[in-house]
């Protein structure tokens, strides 16, 4: 089971949004039951009518940009569903959160990797000096086939962090400089390792909590001694994937003045939830630009007119995120299209940062001031 935390689902007080858990196992089931799989495939499994959501090598998607893409695609999607007599099904906010968790579990938001480059890097970065594929080369180093971390980004981050000191000792013993990594390099290595004969069936697992214990851990583990002010982690982690974070932790550790505190997977999960999970799904935009988008896309023509039946979007105390946009699109989009067509308005398309800016504007309008 893979669980996720997403923001923006429900009411907010001031700037603090509600958080609900989302489950990618349910999300994967939804991908089938909502009939997405009849047109879309994930890594080759599913329909061939539209793009494979797991193999688009040109993608650079964040949750918000994916929401914008789904919005732009919606009229074509509804036509294809009607032609194939596919029912829309139900996609409330909980279901939308589960679906986004599923997309994350299949690494939709990670940079694409290359197994060939990964194989070369596994050797050139000296990983293969200690880590065998099927059997251990040294007693302290598990073979790759036994790496639980391959299917679990938080376990990966925890393992890289906790084994850092012992790996550093091994590098020193061999008179080898500890290698640094880039996100692309780690992505390539992971793609190579995840596609070995003994690891291809490793099930992805990812769990975050509400992060309630994260603040206490951040203090008790000594992180707060350095990461305050200009070195605070929250803004530094904005928009980063967990692969990005694992790399930064690996590269940062040797530069620390003291031996770092250990973080078991549960503790890492709490810290990740506290510092990262909320931010990743609420990409920052510009509220001023969003106000102009709101006007240019004719949003107020319906949402500012009570007689249209469209709900008011400002002053409601709600927060808006990629999840709420997708849920709203799925449930109310066809009627919105019908009303816009009757008014002579084109279906709005969102390019670049427009969706992020629109969400920033709506959240600003609903913030308690």
Protein backbone atom coordinates (compact mmCIF):
# COMPACT_ATOMS: atom_id res chain seq x y z
CA UNK A 1 0.00 0.00 0.00
CA UNK A 2 1.27 3.42 -0.90
CA UNK A 3 -0.04 6.42 0.95
CA UNK A 4 0.31 10.07 0.15
CA UNK A 5 -0.45 13.43 1.65
CA UNK A 6 -1.93 16.11 -0.55
CA UNK A 7 -2.97 19.64 0.27
CA UNK A 8 -5.95 21.69 -0.61
CA UNK A 9 -8.79 19.30 0.09
CA UNK A 10 -11.44 20.97 2.21
CA UNK A 11 -11.54 24.10 4.33
CA UNK A 12 -8.57 26.12 5.52
CA UNK A 13 -7.89 28.40 8.43
CA UNK A 14 -5.53 31.22 7.54
CA UNK A 15 -2.88 29.78 5.22
CA UNK A 16 -2.87 26.27 6.71
CA UNK A 17 -4.60 23.80 4.42
CA UNK A 18 -6.20 20.54 5.41
CA UNK A 19 -4.30 17.37 4.69
CA UNK A 20 -5.77 14.00 3.81
CA UNK A 21 -4.09 10.68 3.19
CA UNK A 22 -4.23 9.26 -0.31
CA UNK A 23 -3.55 5.72 -1.37
CA UNK A 24 -1.93 4.87 -4.70
CA UNK A 25 -3.25 1.33 -4.54
CA UNK A 26 -6.73 2.76 -4.69
CA UNK A 27 -5.45 5.21 -7.31
CA UNK A 28 -4.24 2.34 -9.49
CA UNK A 29 -7.63 0.67 -9.20
CA UNK A 30 -9.29 3.96 -10.13
CA UNK A 31 -7.07 4.25 -13.19
CA UNK A 32 -8.74 1.04 -14.34
CA UNK A 33 -12.29 1.55 -13.08
CA UNK A 34 -12.52 5.09 -14.49
CA UNK A 35 -11.50 3.55 -17.81
CA UNK A 36 -8.39 5.75 -18.18
CA UNK A 37 -6.57 2.54 -19.04
CA UNK A 38 -8.74 1.99 -22.12
CA UNK A 39 -7.00 4.92 -23.83
CA UNK A 40 -3.85 5.51 -21.76
CA UNK A 41 -1.15 3.06 -20.76
CA UNK A 42 1.43 3.13 -17.98
CA UNK A 43 4.82 1.79 -19.06
CA UNK A 44 3.29 -0.18 -21.91
CA UNK A 45 0.33 -1.65 -20.01
CA UNK A 46 -3.05 -0.34 -21.15
CA UNK A 47 -4.64 1.35 -24.13
CA UNK A 48 -2.82 2.74 -27.14
CA UNK A 49 -5.30 5.45 -28.15
CA UNK A 50 -3.42 8.20 -26.34
CA UNK A 51 0.00 8.74 -24.82
CA UNK A 52 1.75 6.30 -22.48
CA UNK A 53 1.85 8.23 -19.23
CA UNK A 54 4.92 6.36 -18.04
CA UNK A 55 7.12 6.69 -21.12
CA UNK A 56 6.86 10.31 -22.24
CA UNK A 57 10.56 11.07 -22.34
CA UNK A 58 9.93 14.76 -23.02
CA UNK A 59 7.83 15.32 -19.92
CA UNK A 60 8.59 17.82 -17.20
CA UNK A 61 5.39 17.51 -15.21
CA UNK A 62 4.56 18.76 -11.76
CA UNK A 63 1.16 18.02 -10.19
CA UNK A 64 -0.08 21.48 -11.19
CA UNK A 65 1.16 21.25 -14.78
CA UNK A 66 -0.44 17.81 -15.06
CA UNK A 67 -3.73 19.32 -13.86
CA UNK A 68 -3.41 21.98 -16.57
CA UNK A 69 -2.69 19.36 -19.21
CA UNK A 70 -5.70 17.29 -18.15
CA UNK A 71 -7.86 20.44 -18.30
CA UNK A 72 -6.67 21.26 -21.83
CA UNK A 73 -7.26 17.68 -22.93
CA UNK A 74 -10.73 17.36 -21.36
CA UNK A 75 -13.03 18.17 -24.33
CA UNK A 76 -11.14 15.70 -26.54
CA UNK A 77 -11.24 13.14 -23.73
CA UNK A 78 -14.99 13.51 -23.24
CA UNK A 79 -15.57 13.07 -26.98
CA UNK A 80 -13.43 9.91 -27.02
CA UNK A 81 -15.27 8.54 -23.99
CA UNK A 82 -18.65 9.28 -25.57
CA UNK A 83 -17.63 7.63 -28.84
CA UNK A 84 -16.53 4.51 -26.93
CA UNK A 85 -19.54 4.62 -24.60
CA UNK A 86 -17.32 4.91 -21.55
CA UNK A 87 -19.02 6.18 -18.40
CA UNK A 88 -17.27 8.93 -16.45
CA UNK A 89 -17.54 7.31 -13.02
CA UNK A 90 -16.98 9.23 -9.78
CA UNK A 91 -13.86 11.24 -9.06
CA UNK A 92 -14.33 13.17 -5.84
CA UNK A 93 -11.41 14.88 -4.12
CA UNK A 94 -10.39 11.78 -2.19
CA UNK A 95 -10.35 9.77 -5.41
CA UNK A 96 -8.40 12.50 -7.21
CA UNK A 97 -5.84 12.47 -4.39
CA UNK A 98 -5.54 8.69 -4.73
CA UNK A 99 -5.04 9.05 -8.48
CA UNK A 100 -2.25 11.60 -8.00
CA UNK A 101 -0.65 9.25 -5.47
CA UNK A 102 -0.74 6.54 -8.14
CA UNK A 103 0.94 8.84 -10.65
CA UNK A 104 3.68 9.53 -8.13
CA UNK A 105 4.08 5.82 -7.37
CA UNK A 106 4.79 5.10 -11.05
CA UNK A 107 7.38 7.90 -10.95
CA UNK A 108 5.40 10.16 -13.28
CA UNK A 109 6.88 13.26 -11.66
CA UNK A 110 10.48 12.04 -11.67
CA UNK A 111 12.94 12.88 -14.41
CA UNK A 112 13.17 10.01 -16.92
CA UNK A 113 16.26 7.84 -16.49
CA UNK A 114 18.35 5.73 -18.84
CA UNK A 115 19.31 2.17 -17.87
CA UNK A 116 22.39 2.13 -20.12
CA UNK A 117 23.78 5.25 -18.50
CA UNK A 118 22.81 3.86 -15.10
CA UNK A 119 24.77 0.67 -15.65
CA UNK A 120 27.87 2.66 -16.57
CA UNK A 121 27.40 4.98 -13.59
CA UNK A 122 26.95 2.08 -11.16
CA UNK A 123 30.48 1.11 -12.10
CA UNK A 124 32.10 4.54 -12.54
CA UNK A 125 30.69 5.86 -9.25
CA UNK A 126 32.25 2.82 -7.54
CA UNK A 127 28.91 1.38 -6.34
CA UNK A 128 29.80 -1.96 -7.90
CA UNK A 129 33.04 -2.13 -5.88
CA UNK A 130 31.04 -3.13 -2.80
CA UNK A 131 27.51 -3.95 -3.97
CA UNK A 132 27.04 -7.13 -5.95
CA UNK A 133 23.88 -7.70 -7.95
CA UNK A 134 22.83 -11.13 -6.67
CA UNK A 135 25.43 -11.80 -3.96
CA UNK A 136 27.33 -9.68 -1.46
CA UNK A 137 30.87 -8.60 -2.30
CA UNK A 138 31.56 -7.50 1.28
CA UNK A 139 29.58 -8.56 4.36
CA UNK A 140 28.43 -5.03 5.17
CA UNK A 141 26.88 -4.37 1.75
CA UNK A 142 23.63 -6.07 0.73
CA UNK A 143 23.40 -7.22 -2.87
CA UNK A 144 21.11 -5.15 -5.06
CA UNK A 145 18.52 -7.93 -5.30
CA UNK A 146 17.84 -7.42 -1.57
CA UNK A 147 17.50 -3.64 -1.65
CA UNK A 148 14.10 -2.73 -0.24
CA UNK A 149 14.91 0.88 -1.10
CA UNK A 150 14.47 0.26 -4.85
CA UNK A 151 10.70 0.40 -4.42
CA UNK A 152 10.53 2.96 -1.65
CA UNK A 153 11.95 6.49 -2.04
CA UNK A 154 11.84 7.21 1.69
CA UNK A 155 13.69 4.00 2.52
CA UNK A 156 16.21 4.96 -0.17
CA UNK A 157 16.79 8.36 1.42
CA UNK A 158 17.07 6.74 4.85
CA UNK A 159 19.53 4.10 3.62
CA UNK A 160 21.75 6.60 1.81
CA UNK A 161 21.81 8.79 4.91
CA UNK A 162 22.38 6.07 7.51
CA UNK A 163 25.00 4.13 5.55
CA UNK A 164 26.90 7.27 4.60
CA UNK A 165 29.46 7.14 7.44
CA UNK A 166 30.27 3.44 6.92
CA UNK A 167 30.50 3.95 3.15
CA UNK A 168 32.84 6.85 3.74
CA UNK A 169 35.07 4.61 5.87
CA UNK A 170 35.10 2.02 3.09
CA UNK A 171 36.04 4.65 0.50
CA UNK A 172 38.83 5.91 2.78
CA UNK A 173 40.09 2.35 3.30
CA UNK A 174 40.29 1.87 -0.47
CA UNK A 175 41.81 5.33 -0.92
CA UNK A 176 38.90 6.27 -3.16
CA UNK A 177 37.23 9.67 -3.16
CA UNK A 178 33.57 9.50 -2.21
CA UNK A 179 31.60 10.31 -5.38
CA UNK A 180 29.00 13.03 -5.60
CA UNK A 181 25.77 12.46 -7.51
CA UNK A 182 23.33 14.50 -9.54
CA UNK A 183 19.62 13.81 -9.63
CA UNK A 184 19.91 12.63 -13.22
CA UNK A 185 22.71 10.23 -12.31
CA UNK A 186 20.77 8.70 -9.43
CA UNK A 187 17.67 8.45 -11.66
CA UNK A 188 19.72 6.60 -14.28
CA UNK A 189 21.21 4.25 -11.68
CA UNK A 190 17.78 3.49 -10.22
CA UNK A 191 16.28 2.78 -13.64
CA UNK A 192 19.12 0.33 -14.31
CA UNK A 193 18.76 -1.39 -10.94
CA UNK A 194 14.95 -1.54 -11.06
CA UNK A 195 15.09 -3.32 -14.41
CA UNK A 196 17.47 -6.10 -13.48
CA UNK A 197 16.01 -9.63 -13.74
CA UNK A 198 15.89 -10.01 -9.96
CA UNK A 199 14.32 -6.63 -9.22
CA UNK A 200 11.75 -6.01 -11.97
CA UNK A 201 8.87 -7.20 -9.82
CA UNK A 202 9.75 -5.04 -6.81
CA UNK A 203 6.52 -3.34 -5.74
CA UNK A 204 6.65 0.41 -5.29
CA UNK A 205 5.86 1.45 -1.73
CA UNK A 206 5.55 4.94 -0.43
CA UNK A 207 3.97 6.22 2.76
CA UNK A 208 3.81 9.63 4.33
CA UNK A 209 2.11 10.65 7.53
CA UNK A 210 0.51 13.88 8.67
CA UNK A 211 4.00 14.90 9.76
CA UNK A 212 2.81 15.57 13.31
CA UNK A 213 6.07 14.29 14.76
CA UNK A 214 8.27 15.93 12.15
CA UNK A 215 8.88 19.18 14.01
CA UNK A 216 9.98 17.37 17.18
CA UNK A 217 12.33 15.12 15.17
CA UNK A 218 13.73 18.12 13.32
CA UNK A 219 14.72 19.55 16.68
CA UNK A 220 15.77 16.36 18.51
CA UNK A 221 17.97 15.17 15.63
CA UNK A 222 19.79 18.50 15.64
CA UNK A 223 18.70 19.61 12.17
CA UNK A 224 17.39 22.89 13.51
CA UNK A 225 20.86 23.90 14.74
CA UNK A 226 21.88 24.68 11.17
CA UNK A 227 18.72 24.79 9.09
CA UNK A 228 17.24 28.11 10.18
CA UNK A 229 16.98 31.48 8.50
CA UNK A 230 18.66 31.46 5.12
CA UNK A 231 19.42 27.74 5.53
CA UNK A 232 15.82 26.76 6.35
CA UNK A 233 14.85 23.61 4.46
CA UNK A 234 11.25 24.35 3.50
CA UNK A 235 12.06 26.82 0.67
CA UNK A 236 15.04 24.71 -0.41
CA UNK A 237 12.82 21.67 -0.88
CA UNK A 238 10.10 23.49 -2.82
CA UNK A 239 9.27 21.59 -5.99
CA UNK A 240 11.90 18.89 -5.48
CA UNK A 241 11.20 15.19 -5.85
CA UNK A 242 12.38 12.67 -3.26
CA UNK A 243 15.15 11.65 -5.67
CA UNK A 244 16.37 15.26 -5.59
CA UNK A 245 16.30 15.17 -1.79
CA UNK A 246 18.13 11.85 -1.54
CA UNK A 247 20.91 13.22 -3.76
CA UNK A 248 21.25 16.42 -1.76
CA UNK A 249 21.42 14.47 1.50
CA UNK A 250 24.11 12.18 0.03
CA UNK A 251 26.22 15.08 -1.21
CA UNK A 252 25.71 17.15 1.95
CA UNK A 253 26.63 14.55 4.55
CA UNK A 254 30.45 14.57 4.17
CA UNK A 255 30.44 18.35 4.63
CA UNK A 256 28.83 18.15 8.05
CA UNK A 257 31.03 18.97 11.04
CA UNK A 258 29.66 16.12 13.18
CA UNK A 259 28.50 12.58 12.51
CA UNK A 260 24.85 12.89 11.49
CA UNK A 261 22.07 11.41 13.58
CA UNK A 262 20.53 8.20 12.22
CA UNK A 263 17.07 8.39 10.72
CA UNK A 264 15.14 5.14 10.46
CA UNK A 265 12.50 4.92 7.73
CA UNK A 266 9.66 5.92 10.06
CA UNK A 267 11.58 8.96 11.25
CA UNK A 268 12.50 9.86 7.69
CA UNK A 269 8.83 9.55 6.76
CA UNK A 270 7.84 12.00 9.49
CA UNK A 271 10.48 14.50 8.42
CA UNK A 272 9.62 14.16 4.75
CA UNK A 273 5.93 14.65 5.52
CA UNK A 274 6.63 17.65 7.73
CA UNK A 275 9.07 19.39 5.39
CA UNK A 276 8.23 18.23 1.89
CA UNK A 277 4.94 16.44 1.12
CA UNK A 278 2.71 19.47 1.52
CA UNK A 279 4.89 21.69 -0.64
CA UNK A 280 5.34 19.28 -3.54
CA UNK A 281 1.64 19.24 -4.36
CA UNK A 282 1.09 22.99 -4.06
CA UNK A 283 3.37 24.52 -6.67
CA UNK A 284 3.78 28.23 -6.03
CA UNK A 285 2.37 30.72 -8.51
CA UNK A 286 1.92 34.46 -8.80
CA UNK A 287 -1.43 35.70 -7.48
CA UNK A 288 -1.27 38.93 -9.50
CA UNK A 289 -0.75 37.00 -12.73
CA UNK A 290 -3.47 34.59 -11.63
CA UNK A 291 -5.97 37.43 -11.31
CA UNK A 292 -5.30 38.31 -14.95
CA UNK A 293 -5.69 34.65 -15.94
CA UNK A 294 -9.02 34.53 -14.06
CA UNK A 295 -10.26 37.46 -16.14
CA UNK A 296 -8.79 36.36 -19.47
CA UNK A 297 -10.28 32.85 -19.23
CA UNK A 298 -13.76 34.32 -18.48
CA UNK A 299 -13.94 32.49 -15.13
CA UNK A 300 -15.85 35.35 -13.51
CA UNK A 301 -18.51 35.38 -16.21
CA UNK A 302 -19.97 32.27 -14.57
CA UNK A 303 -18.43 32.14 -11.11
CA UNK A 304 -19.30 35.79 -10.49
CA UNK A 305 -22.90 35.36 -11.67
CA UNK A 306 -25.16 33.65 -9.13
CA UNK A 307 -27.80 33.00 -11.80
CA UNK A 308 -25.38 30.76 -13.74
CA UNK A 309 -25.43 28.13 -11.03
CA UNK A 310 -21.62 28.16 -10.85
CA UNK A 311 -20.29 28.35 -7.28
CA UNK A 312 -18.52 31.44 -6.00
CA UNK A 313 -14.77 30.84 -5.83
CA UNK A 314 -13.60 33.67 -3.59
CA UNK A 315 -14.31 34.34 0.08
CA UNK A 316 -15.35 30.76 0.72
CA UNK A 317 -12.46 29.69 2.96
CA UNK A 318 -11.54 26.87 0.59
CA UNK A 319 -8.11 26.08 -0.73
CA UNK A 320 -7.43 25.00 -4.29
CA UNK A 321 -4.79 22.60 -5.56
CA UNK A 322 -4.04 20.35 -8.50
CA UNK A 323 -6.24 17.73 -6.83
CA UNK A 324 -9.29 19.98 -6.47
CA UNK A 325 -8.90 21.18 -10.06
CA UNK A 326 -8.89 17.63 -11.45
CA UNK A 327 -11.79 16.54 -9.26
CA UNK A 328 -13.85 19.61 -10.25
CA UNK A 329 -13.01 19.12 -13.91
CA UNK A 330 -14.13 15.51 -13.83
CA UNK A 331 -17.38 16.14 -11.98
CA UNK A 332 -18.49 19.46 -13.46
CA UNK A 333 -16.47 19.91 -16.65
CA UNK A 334 -19.03 18.68 -19.20
CA UNK A 335 -21.68 21.08 -17.84
CA UNK A 336 -19.10 23.90 -17.79
CA UNK A 337 -18.29 23.20 -21.44
CA UNK A 338 -21.98 23.27 -22.33
CA UNK A 339 -22.51 26.62 -20.57
CA UNK A 340 -19.39 28.19 -22.09
CA UNK A 341 -20.42 27.04 -25.56
CA UNK A 342 -23.86 28.59 -25.07
CA UNK A 343 -22.21 31.91 -24.10
CA UNK A 344 -19.85 31.75 -27.08
CA UNK A 345 -16.73 31.36 -24.94
CA UNK A 346 -13.95 28.98 -26.00
CA UNK A 347 -12.89 26.24 -23.60
CA UNK A 348 -9.99 27.78 -21.65
CA UNK A 349 -6.52 26.38 -22.15
CA UNK A 350 -3.73 26.81 -19.63
CA UNK A 351 -0.18 27.19 -20.83
CA UNK A 352 3.08 27.38 -18.89
CA UNK A 353 2.56 28.80 -15.41
CA UNK A 354 -1.05 29.89 -15.90
CA UNK A 355 -2.64 27.10 -13.84
CA UNK A 356 -0.19 27.62 -10.96
CA UNK A 357 -0.86 31.36 -11.07
CA UNK A 358 -4.63 30.83 -11.12
CA UNK A 359 -4.45 28.58 -8.04
CA UNK A 360 -2.26 31.14 -6.27
CA UNK A 361 -4.88 33.83 -6.97
CA UNK A 362 -7.80 31.69 -5.79
CA UNK A 363 -5.98 30.71 -2.60
CA UNK A 364 -5.03 34.33 -1.98
CA UNK A 365 -8.67 35.34 -2.37
CA UNK A 366 -9.68 32.72 0.20
CA UNK A 367 -6.96 33.39 2.72
CA UNK A 368 -8.08 34.81 6.04
CA UNK A 369 -6.54 38.29 6.13
